[in-house]
Amino acid sequence: MADFVLKYPEDAHEYLVTYLSTFLLLMAALEARSPEELVSVGRALNKVAEDLEAFTLTFRLTVEGPESERQGVVGVIRGPDDLKRVLS
């Protein structure tokens, strides 16, 4: 993780914000007082979960290093749109 922070400080900051947002949204879901509030929190949580998944995959690729390059990894996924494009 330290290598990721040193190489990509902006991405590491965004990852941390996204990670903390997940927990805040989960706490908000517990406090929801109506189904409409819960649906709204759920939509926001889905968006944050997509971002978190993309960051997690990017972090994993960074940690795997040179071996993953031999397996055909040629870039870094920087968001959910990149992830969807790669997986499709």
PDB file of N, CA and C in Angstrom:
ATOM      1  N   MET A   1       0.830  -1.189   0.000  1.00  0.00           N
ATOM      2  CA  MET A   1       0.000   0.000   0.000  1.00  0.00           C
ATOM      3  C   MET A   1       0.874   1.252   0.000  1.00  0.00           C
ATOM      4  N   ALA A   2       1.992   1.209   0.706  1.00  0.00           N
ATOM      5  CA  ALA A   2       2.875   2.374   0.763  1.00  0.00           C
ATOM      6  C   ALA A   2       3.402   2.717  -0.625  1.00  0.00           C
ATOM      7  N   ASP A   3       3.728   1.707  -1.434  1.00  0.00           N
ATOM      8  CA  ASP A   3       4.199   1.960  -2.798  1.00  0.00           C
ATOM      9  C   ASP A   3       3.120   2.654  -3.619  1.00  0.00           C
ATOM     10  N   PHE A   4       1.883   2.209  -3.460  1.00  0.00           N
ATOM     11  CA  PHE A   4       0.761   2.802  -4.175  1.00  0.00           C
ATOM     12  C   PHE A   4       0.620   4.279  -3.795  1.00  0.00           C
ATOM     13  N   VAL A   5       0.728   4.586  -2.507  1.00  0.00           N
ATOM     14  CA  VAL A   5       0.604   5.965  -2.033  1.00  0.00           C
ATOM     15  C   VAL A   5       1.732   6.830  -2.579  1.00  0.00           C
ATOM     16  N   LEU A   6       2.943   6.281  -2.604  1.00  0.00           N
ATOM     17  CA  LEU A   6       4.084   7.050  -3.100  1.00  0.00           C
ATOM     18  C   LEU A   6       4.011   7.285  -4.610  1.00  0.00           C
ATOM     19  N   LYS A   7       3.592   6.265  -5.358  1.00  0.00           N
ATOM     20  CA  LYS A   7       3.554   6.379  -6.816  1.00  0.00           C
ATOM     21  C   LYS A   7       2.346   7.171  -7.315  1.00  0.00           C
ATOM     22  N   TYR A   8       1.227   7.042  -6.619  1.00  0.00           N
ATOM     23  CA  TYR A   8      -0.030   7.647  -7.065  1.00  0.00           C
ATOM     24  C   TYR A   8      -0.714   8.370  -5.904  1.00  0.00           C
ATOM     25  N   PRO A   9      -0.156   9.473  -5.414  1.00  0.00           N
ATOM     26  CA  PRO A   9      -0.729  10.132  -4.233  1.00  0.00           C
ATOM     27  C   PRO A   9      -2.158  10.639  -4.449  1.00  0.00           C
ATOM     28  N   GLU A  10      -2.465  11.144  -5.625  1.00  0.00           N
ATOM     29  CA  GLU A  10      -3.823  11.640  -5.884  1.00  0.00           C
ATOM     30  C   GLU A  10      -4.819  10.483  -5.879  1.00  0.00           C
ATOM     31  N   ASP A  11      -4.435   9.384  -6.506  1.00  0.00           N
ATOM     32  CA  ASP A  11      -5.316   8.208  -6.525  1.00  0.00           C
ATOM     33  C   ASP A  11      -5.486   7.631  -5.122  1.00  0.00           C
ATOM     34  N   ALA A  12      -4.421   7.629  -4.339  1.00  0.00           N
ATOM     35  CA  ALA A  12      -4.506   7.121  -2.967  1.00  0.00           C
ATOM     36  C   ALA A  12      -5.460   7.978  -2.140  1.00  0.00           C
ATOM     37  N   HIS A  13      -5.403   9.280  -2.336  1.00  0.00           N
ATOM     38  CA  HIS A  13      -6.319  10.178  -1.623  1.00  0.00           C
ATOM     39  C   HIS A  13      -7.759   9.900  -2.029  1.00  0.00           C
ATOM     40  N   GLU A  14      -7.985   9.782  -3.325  1.00  0.00           N
ATOM     41  CA  GLU A  14      -9.336   9.501  -3.814  1.00  0.00           C
ATOM     42  C   GLU A  14      -9.830   8.139  -3.322  1.00  0.00           C
ATOM     43  N   TYR A  15      -8.931   7.156  -3.260  1.00  0.00           N
ATOM     44  CA  TYR A  15      -9.285   5.830  -2.740  1.00  0.00           C
ATOM     45  C   TYR A  15      -9.730   5.943  -1.288  1.00  0.00           C
ATOM     46  N   LEU A  16      -8.975   6.686  -0.491  1.00  0.00           N
ATOM     47  CA  LEU A  16      -9.315   6.840   0.922  1.00  0.00           C
ATOM     48  C   LEU A  16     -10.663   7.530   1.083  1.00  0.00           C
ATOM     49  N   VAL A  17     -10.898   8.577   0.320  1.00  0.00           N
ATOM     50  CA  VAL A  17     -12.176   9.279   0.379  1.00  0.00           C
ATOM     51  C   VAL A  17     -13.317   8.336  -0.011  1.00  0.00           C
ATOM     52  N   THR A  18     -13.117   7.563  -1.066  1.00  0.00           N
ATOM     53  CA  THR A  18     -14.134   6.608  -1.520  1.00  0.00           C
ATOM     54  C   THR A  18     -14.392   5.546  -0.466  1.00  0.00           C
ATOM     55  N   TYR A  19     -13.326   5.037   0.131  1.00  0.00           N
ATOM     56  CA  TYR A  19     -13.437   4.008   1.165  1.00  0.00           C
ATOM     57  C   TYR A  19     -14.218   4.534   2.368  1.00  0.00           C
ATOM     58  N   LEU A  20     -13.889   5.736   2.817  1.00  0.00           N
ATOM     59  CA  LEU A  20     -14.593   6.327   3.952  1.00  0.00           C
ATOM     60  C   LEU A  20     -16.042   6.651   3.602  1.00  0.00           C
ATOM     61  N   SER A  21     -16.288   7.044   2.355  1.00  0.00           N
ATOM     62  CA  SER A  21     -17.656   7.321   1.915  1.00  0.00           C
ATOM     63  C   SER A  21     -18.535   6.084   2.035  1.00  0.00           C
ATOM     64  N   THR A  22     -17.958   4.941   1.752  1.00  0.00           N
ATOM     65  CA  THR A  22     -18.704   3.685   1.870  1.00  0.00           C
ATOM     66  C   THR A  22     -19.216   3.497   3.288  1.00  0.00           C
ATOM     67  N   PHE A  23     -18.350   3.711   4.258  1.00  0.00           N
ATOM     68  CA  PHE A  23     -18.761   3.546   5.650  1.00  0.00           C
ATOM     69  C   PHE A  23     -19.786   4.590   6.075  1.00  0.00           C
ATOM     70  N   LEU A  24     -19.619   5.819   5.626  1.00  0.00           N
ATOM     71  CA  LEU A  24     -20.588   6.853   5.966  1.00  0.00           C
ATOM     72  C   LEU A  24     -21.952   6.550   5.366  1.00  0.00           C
ATOM     73  N   LEU A  25     -21.968   6.051   4.144  1.00  0.00           N
ATOM     74  CA  LEU A  25     -23.240   5.692   3.521  1.00  0.00           C
ATOM     75  C   LEU A  25     -23.889   4.497   4.211  1.00  0.00           C
ATOM     76  N   LEU A  26     -23.078   3.549   4.658  1.00  0.00           N
ATOM     77  CA  LEU A  26     -23.643   2.421   5.409  1.00  0.00           C
ATOM     78  C   LEU A  26     -24.258   2.899   6.717  1.00  0.00           C
ATOM     79  N   MET A  27     -23.602   3.842   7.370  1.00  0.00           N
ATOM     80  CA  MET A  27     -24.160   4.416   8.597  1.00  0.00           C
ATOM     81  C   MET A  27     -25.458   5.173   8.300  1.00  0.00           C
ATOM     82  N   ALA A  28     -25.483   5.887   7.174  1.00  0.00           N
ATOM     83  CA  ALA A  28     -26.694   6.610   6.773  1.00  0.00           C
ATOM     84  C   ALA A  28     -27.832   5.630   6.489  1.00  0.00           C
ATOM     85  N   ALA A  29     -27.517   4.488   5.908  1.00  0.00           N
ATOM     86  CA  ALA A  29     -28.548   3.479   5.639  1.00  0.00           C
ATOM     87  C   ALA A  29     -29.171   2.977   6.943  1.00  0.00           C
ATOM     88  N   LEU A  30     -28.354   2.841   7.964  1.00  0.00           N
ATOM     89  CA  LEU A  30     -28.879   2.403   9.263  1.00  0.00           C
ATOM     90  C   LEU A  30     -29.795   3.447   9.890  1.00  0.00           C
ATOM     91  N   GLU A  31     -29.567   4.705   9.572  1.00  0.00           N
ATOM     92  CA  GLU A  31     -30.353   5.797  10.134  1.00  0.00           C
ATOM     93  C   GLU A  31     -31.533   6.209   9.259  1.00  0.00           C
ATOM     94  N   ALA A  32     -31.691   5.613   8.099  1.00  0.00           N
ATOM     95  CA  ALA A  32     -32.780   5.986   7.187  1.00  0.00           C
ATOM     96  C   ALA A  32     -34.122   5.794   7.881  1.00  0.00           C
ATOM     97  N   ARG A  33     -34.993   6.787   7.734  1.00  0.00           N
ATOM     98  CA  ARG A  33     -36.284   6.758   8.419  1.00  0.00           C
ATOM     99  C   ARG A  33     -37.450   6.420   7.488  1.00  0.00           C
ATOM    100  N   SER A  34     -37.168   6.360   6.201  1.00  0.00           N
ATOM    101  CA  SER A  34     -38.238   6.029   5.261  1.00  0.00           C
ATOM    102  C   SER A  34     -37.658   5.197   4.122  1.00  0.00           C
ATOM    103  N   PRO A  35     -38.508   4.488   3.415  1.00  0.00           N
ATOM    104  CA  PRO A  35     -38.025   3.715   2.262  1.00  0.00           C
ATOM    105  C   PRO A  35     -37.376   4.602   1.201  1.00  0.00           C
ATOM    106  N   GLU A  36     -37.896   5.817   1.028  1.00  0.00           N
ATOM    107  CA  GLU A  36     -37.324   6.725   0.032  1.00  0.00           C
ATOM    108  C   GLU A  36     -35.894   7.106   0.407  1.00  0.00           C
ATOM    109  N   GLU A  37     -35.665   7.373   1.688  1.00  0.00           N
ATOM    110  CA  GLU A  37     -34.311   7.698   2.137  1.00  0.00           C
ATOM    111  C   GLU A  37     -33.378   6.511   1.916  1.00  0.00           C
ATOM    112  N   LEU A  38     -33.864   5.322   2.204  1.00  0.00           N
ATOM    113  CA  LEU A  38     -33.056   4.116   2.035  1.00  0.00           C
ATOM    114  C   LEU A  38     -32.716   3.890   0.560  1.00  0.00           C
ATOM    115  N   VAL A  39     -33.658   4.135  -0.335  1.00  0.00           N
ATOM    116  CA  VAL A  39     -33.409   3.997  -1.764  1.00  0.00           C
ATOM    117  C   VAL A  39     -32.358   5.009  -2.211  1.00  0.00           C
ATOM    118  N   SER A  40     -32.459   6.228  -1.726  1.00  0.00           N
ATOM    119  CA  SER A  40     -31.495   7.269  -2.081  1.00  0.00           C
ATOM    120  C   SER A  40     -30.091   6.899  -1.608  1.00  0.00           C
ATOM    121  N   VAL A  41     -29.986   6.422  -0.389  1.00  0.00           N
ATOM    122  CA  VAL A  41     -28.684   5.996   0.145  1.00  0.00           C
ATOM    123  C   VAL A  41     -28.176   4.795  -0.644  1.00  0.00           C
ATOM    124  N   GLY A  42     -29.058   3.890  -0.997  1.00  0.00           N
ATOM    125  CA  GLY A  42     -28.671   2.706  -1.768  1.00  0.00           C
ATOM    126  C   GLY A  42     -28.098   3.066  -3.129  1.00  0.00           C
ATOM    127  N   ARG A  43     -28.695   4.043  -3.788  1.00  0.00           N
ATOM    128  CA  ARG A  43     -28.177   4.486  -5.099  1.00  0.00           C
ATOM    129  C   ARG A  43     -26.772   5.072  -4.947  1.00  0.00           C
ATOM    130  N   ALA A  44     -26.609   5.913  -3.929  1.00  0.00           N
ATOM    131  CA  ALA A  44     -25.289   6.509  -3.691  1.00  0.00           C
ATOM    132  C   ALA A  44     -24.271   5.432  -3.341  1.00  0.00           C
ATOM    133  N   LEU A  45     -24.695   4.449  -2.565  1.00  0.00           N
ATOM    134  CA  LEU A  45     -23.807   3.361  -2.173  1.00  0.00           C
ATOM    135  C   LEU A  45     -23.387   2.523  -3.381  1.00  0.00           C
ATOM    136  N   ASN A  46     -24.289   2.296  -4.307  1.00  0.00           N
ATOM    137  CA  ASN A  46     -23.942   1.556  -5.532  1.00  0.00           C
ATOM    138  C   ASN A  46     -22.869   2.282  -6.328  1.00  0.00           C
ATOM    139  N   LYS A  47     -22.999   3.597  -6.444  1.00  0.00           N
ATOM    140  CA  LYS A  47     -21.999   4.391  -7.183  1.00  0.00           C
ATOM    141  C   LYS A  47     -20.642   4.306  -6.487  1.00  0.00           C
ATOM    142  N   VAL A  48     -20.635   4.482  -5.185  1.00  0.00           N
ATOM    143  CA  VAL A  48     -19.371   4.438  -4.431  1.00  0.00           C
ATOM    144  C   VAL A  48     -18.768   3.034  -4.487  1.00  0.00           C
ATOM    145  N   ALA A  49     -19.605   2.015  -4.451  1.00  0.00           N
ATOM    146  CA  ALA A  49     -19.106   0.635  -4.517  1.00  0.00           C
ATOM    147  C   ALA A  49     -18.420   0.359  -5.854  1.00  0.00           C
ATOM    148  N   GLU A  50     -18.959   0.897  -6.943  1.00  0.00           N
ATOM    149  CA  GLU A  50     -18.315   0.738  -8.255  1.00  0.00           C
ATOM    150  C   GLU A  50     -16.941   1.400  -8.255  1.00  0.00           C
ATOM    151  N   ASP A  51     -16.878   2.613  -7.718  1.00  0.00           N
ATOM    152  CA  ASP A  51     -15.598   3.321  -7.644  1.00  0.00           C
ATOM    153  C   ASP A  51     -14.605   2.564  -6.779  1.00  0.00           C
ATOM    154  N   LEU A  52     -15.080   2.062  -5.647  1.00  0.00           N
ATOM    155  CA  LEU A  52     -14.202   1.324  -4.735  1.00  0.00           C
ATOM    156  C   LEU A  52     -13.682   0.050  -5.389  1.00  0.00           C
ATOM    157  N   GLU A  53     -14.524  -0.623  -6.145  1.00  0.00           N
ATOM    158  CA  GLU A  53     -14.087  -1.839  -6.843  1.00  0.00           C
ATOM    159  C   GLU A  53     -13.005  -1.519  -7.869  1.00  0.00           C
ATOM    160  N   ALA A  54     -13.191  -0.434  -8.597  1.00  0.00           N
ATOM    161  CA  ALA A  54     -12.185  -0.039  -9.590  1.00  0.00           C
ATOM    162  C   ALA A  54     -10.854   0.290  -8.916  1.00  0.00           C
ATOM    163  N   PHE A  55     -10.909   1.019  -7.805  1.00  0.00           N
ATOM    164  CA  PHE A  55      -9.676   1.339  -7.083  1.00  0.00           C
ATOM    165  C   PHE A  55      -9.024   0.084  -6.520  1.00  0.00           C
ATOM    166  N   THR A  56      -9.824  -0.827  -6.009  1.00  0.00           N
ATOM    167  CA  THR A  56      -9.275  -2.062  -5.451  1.00  0.00           C
ATOM    168  C   THR A  56      -8.558  -2.872  -6.526  1.00  0.00           C
ATOM    169  N   LEU A  57      -9.148  -2.956  -7.706  1.00  0.00           N
ATOM    170  CA  LEU A  57      -8.498  -3.666  -8.810  1.00  0.00           C
ATOM    171  C   LEU A  57      -7.210  -2.975  -9.227  1.00  0.00           C
ATOM    172  N   THR A  58      -7.230  -1.643  -9.257  1.00  0.00           N
ATOM    173  CA  THR A  58      -6.022  -0.889  -9.604  1.00  0.00           C
ATOM    174  C   THR A  58      -4.933  -1.134  -8.570  1.00  0.00           C
ATOM    175  N   PHE A  59      -5.317  -1.091  -7.304  1.00  0.00           N
ATOM    176  CA  PHE A  59      -4.349  -1.343  -6.235  1.00  0.00           C
ATOM    177  C   PHE A  59      -3.762  -2.745  -6.365  1.00  0.00           C
ATOM    178  N   ARG A  60      -4.612  -3.708  -6.654  1.00  0.00           N
ATOM    179  CA  ARG A  60      -4.155  -5.089  -6.817  1.00  0.00           C
ATOM    180  C   ARG A  60      -3.162  -5.213  -7.970  1.00  0.00           C
ATOM    181  N   LEU A  61      -3.459  -4.550  -9.074  1.00  0.00           N
ATOM    182  CA  LEU A  61      -2.542  -4.581 -10.213  1.00  0.00           C
ATOM    183  C   LEU A  61      -1.206  -3.940  -9.859  1.00  0.00           C
ATOM    184  N   THR A  62      -1.250  -2.882  -9.072  1.00  0.00           N
ATOM    185  CA  THR A  62      -0.024  -2.206  -8.651  1.00  0.00           C
ATOM    186  C   THR A  62       0.815  -3.110  -7.767  1.00  0.00           C
ATOM    187  N   VAL A  63       0.174  -3.818  -6.862  1.00  0.00           N
ATOM    188  CA  VAL A  63       0.884  -4.694  -5.933  1.00  0.00           C
ATOM    189  C   VAL A  63       1.475  -5.895  -6.653  1.00  0.00           C
ATOM    190  N   GLU A  64       0.767  -6.439  -7.633  1.00  0.00           N
ATOM    191  CA  GLU A  64       1.250  -7.629  -8.337  1.00  0.00           C
ATOM    192  C   GLU A  64       2.484  -7.337  -9.171  1.00  0.00           C
ATOM    193  N   GLY A  65       2.646  -6.113  -9.611  1.00  0.00           N
ATOM    194  CA  GLY A  65       3.857  -5.679 -10.294  1.00  0.00           C
ATOM    195  C   GLY A  65       4.211  -6.429 -11.562  1.00  0.00           C
ATOM    196  N   PRO A  66       5.515  -6.702 -11.746  1.00  0.00           N
ATOM    197  CA  PRO A  66       6.026  -7.253 -13.000  1.00  0.00           C
ATOM    198  C   PRO A  66       5.386  -8.568 -13.438  1.00  0.00           C
ATOM    199  N   GLU A  67       5.032  -9.436 -12.514  1.00  0.00           N
ATOM    200  CA  GLU A  67       4.425 -10.713 -12.903  1.00  0.00           C
ATOM    201  C   GLU A  67       3.121 -10.482 -13.652  1.00  0.00           C
ATOM    202  N   SER A  68       2.335  -9.514 -13.195  1.00  0.00           N
ATOM    203  CA  SER A  68       1.074  -9.241 -13.880  1.00  0.00           C
ATOM    204  C   SER A  68       1.320  -8.676 -15.278  1.00  0.00           C
ATOM    205  N   GLU A  69       2.429  -7.958 -15.471  1.00  0.00           N
ATOM    206  CA  GLU A  69       2.750  -7.447 -16.799  1.00  0.00           C
ATOM    207  C   GLU A  69       2.995  -8.594 -17.773  1.00  0.00           C
ATOM    208  N   ARG A  70       3.585  -9.656 -17.305  1.00  0.00           N
ATOM    209  CA  ARG A  70       3.810 -10.823 -18.162  1.00  0.00           C
ATOM    210  C   ARG A  70       2.496 -11.508 -18.510  1.00  0.00           C
ATOM    211  N   GLN A  71       1.474 -11.267 -17.703  1.00  0.00           N
ATOM    212  CA  GLN A  71       0.181 -11.880 -17.963  1.00  0.00           C
ATOM    213  C   GLN A  71      -0.685 -11.016 -18.884  1.00  0.00           C
ATOM    214  N   GLY A  72      -0.136  -9.936 -19.388  1.00  0.00           N
ATOM    215  CA  GLY A  72      -0.857  -9.125 -20.354  1.00  0.00           C
ATOM    216  C   GLY A  72      -1.485  -7.862 -19.797  1.00  0.00           C
ATOM    217  N   VAL A  73      -1.205  -7.470 -18.580  1.00  0.00           N
ATOM    218  CA  VAL A  73      -1.752  -6.236 -18.030  1.00  0.00           C
ATOM    219  C   VAL A  73      -0.966  -5.077 -18.625  1.00  0.00           C
ATOM    220  N   VAL A  74      -1.674  -4.140 -19.229  1.00  0.00           N
ATOM    221  CA  VAL A  74      -0.983  -3.057 -19.914  1.00  0.00           C
ATOM    222  C   VAL A  74      -1.365  -1.668 -19.411  1.00  0.00           C
ATOM    223  N   GLY A  75      -2.249  -1.563 -18.422  1.00  0.00           N
ATOM    224  CA  GLY A  75      -2.657  -0.245 -17.958  1.00  0.00           C
ATOM    225  C   GLY A  75      -3.219  -0.280 -16.556  1.00  0.00           C
ATOM    226  N   VAL A  76      -3.647   0.881 -16.118  1.00  0.00           N
ATOM    227  CA  VAL A  76      -4.229   1.037 -14.796  1.00  0.00           C
ATOM    228  C   VAL A  76      -5.676   1.465 -14.961  1.00  0.00           C
ATOM    229  N   ILE A  77      -6.560   0.821 -14.251  1.00  0.00           N
ATOM    230  CA  ILE A  77      -7.973   1.163 -14.295  1.00  0.00           C
ATOM    231  C   ILE A  77      -8.183   2.360 -13.381  1.00  0.00           C
ATOM    232  N   ARG A  78      -8.713   3.435 -13.924  1.00  0.00           N
ATOM    233  CA  ARG A  78      -8.847   4.680 -13.161  1.00  0.00           C
ATOM    234  C   ARG A  78     -10.285   5.012 -12.797  1.00  0.00           C
ATOM    235  N   GLY A  79     -11.211   4.112 -13.022  1.00  0.00           N
ATOM    236  CA  GLY A  79     -12.590   4.392 -12.653  1.00  0.00           C
ATOM    237  C   GLY A  79     -13.519   3.304 -13.146  1.00  0.00           C
ATOM    238  N   PRO A  80     -14.786   3.403 -12.770  1.00  0.00           N
ATOM    239  CA  PRO A  80     -15.748   2.364 -13.152  1.00  0.00           C
ATOM    240  C   PRO A  80     -15.951   2.252 -14.661  1.00  0.00           C
ATOM    241  N   ASP A  81     -15.838   3.366 -15.380  1.00  0.00           N
ATOM    242  CA  ASP A  81     -16.005   3.293 -16.833  1.00  0.00           C
ATOM    243  C   ASP A  81     -14.873   2.501 -17.471  1.00  0.00           C
ATOM    244  N   ASP A  82     -13.638   2.727 -17.005  1.00  0.00           N
ATOM    245  CA  ASP A  82     -12.497   1.945 -17.503  1.00  0.00           C
ATOM    246  C   ASP A  82     -12.686   0.470 -17.185  1.00  0.00           C
ATOM    247  N   LEU A  83     -13.148   0.178 -15.981  1.00  0.00           N
ATOM    248  CA  LEU A  83     -13.341  -1.206 -15.563  1.00  0.00           C
ATOM    249  C   LEU A  83     -14.375  -1.883 -16.455  1.00  0.00           C
ATOM    250  N   LYS A  84     -15.488  -1.221 -16.711  1.00  0.00           N
ATOM    251  CA  LYS A  84     -16.539  -1.806 -17.555  1.00  0.00           C
ATOM    252  C   LYS A  84     -16.005  -2.057 -18.968  1.00  0.00           C
ATOM    253  N   ARG A  85     -15.217  -1.096 -19.487  1.00  0.00           N
ATOM    254  CA  ARG A  85     -14.670  -1.242 -20.841  1.00  0.00           C
ATOM    255  C   ARG A  85     -13.712  -2.436 -20.907  1.00  0.00           C
ATOM    256  N   VAL A  86     -12.891  -2.607 -19.891  1.00  0.00           N
ATOM    257  CA  VAL A  86     -11.930  -3.715 -19.877  1.00  0.00           C
ATOM    258  C   VAL A  86     -12.630  -5.054 -19.748  1.00  0.00           C
ATOM    259  N   LEU A  87     -13.675  -5.110 -18.936  1.00  0.00           N
ATOM    260  CA  LEU A  87     -14.354  -6.375 -18.687  1.00  0.00           C
ATOM    261  C   LEU A  87     -15.315  -6.762 -19.799  1.00  0.00           C
ATOM    262  N   SER A  88     -15.677  -5.820 -20.666  1.00  0.00           N
ATOM    263  CA  SER A  88     -16.646  -6.165 -21.722  1.00  0.00           C
ATOM    264  C   SER A  88     -15.959  -6.694 -22.955  1.00  0.00           C
TER     265      SER A  88
END
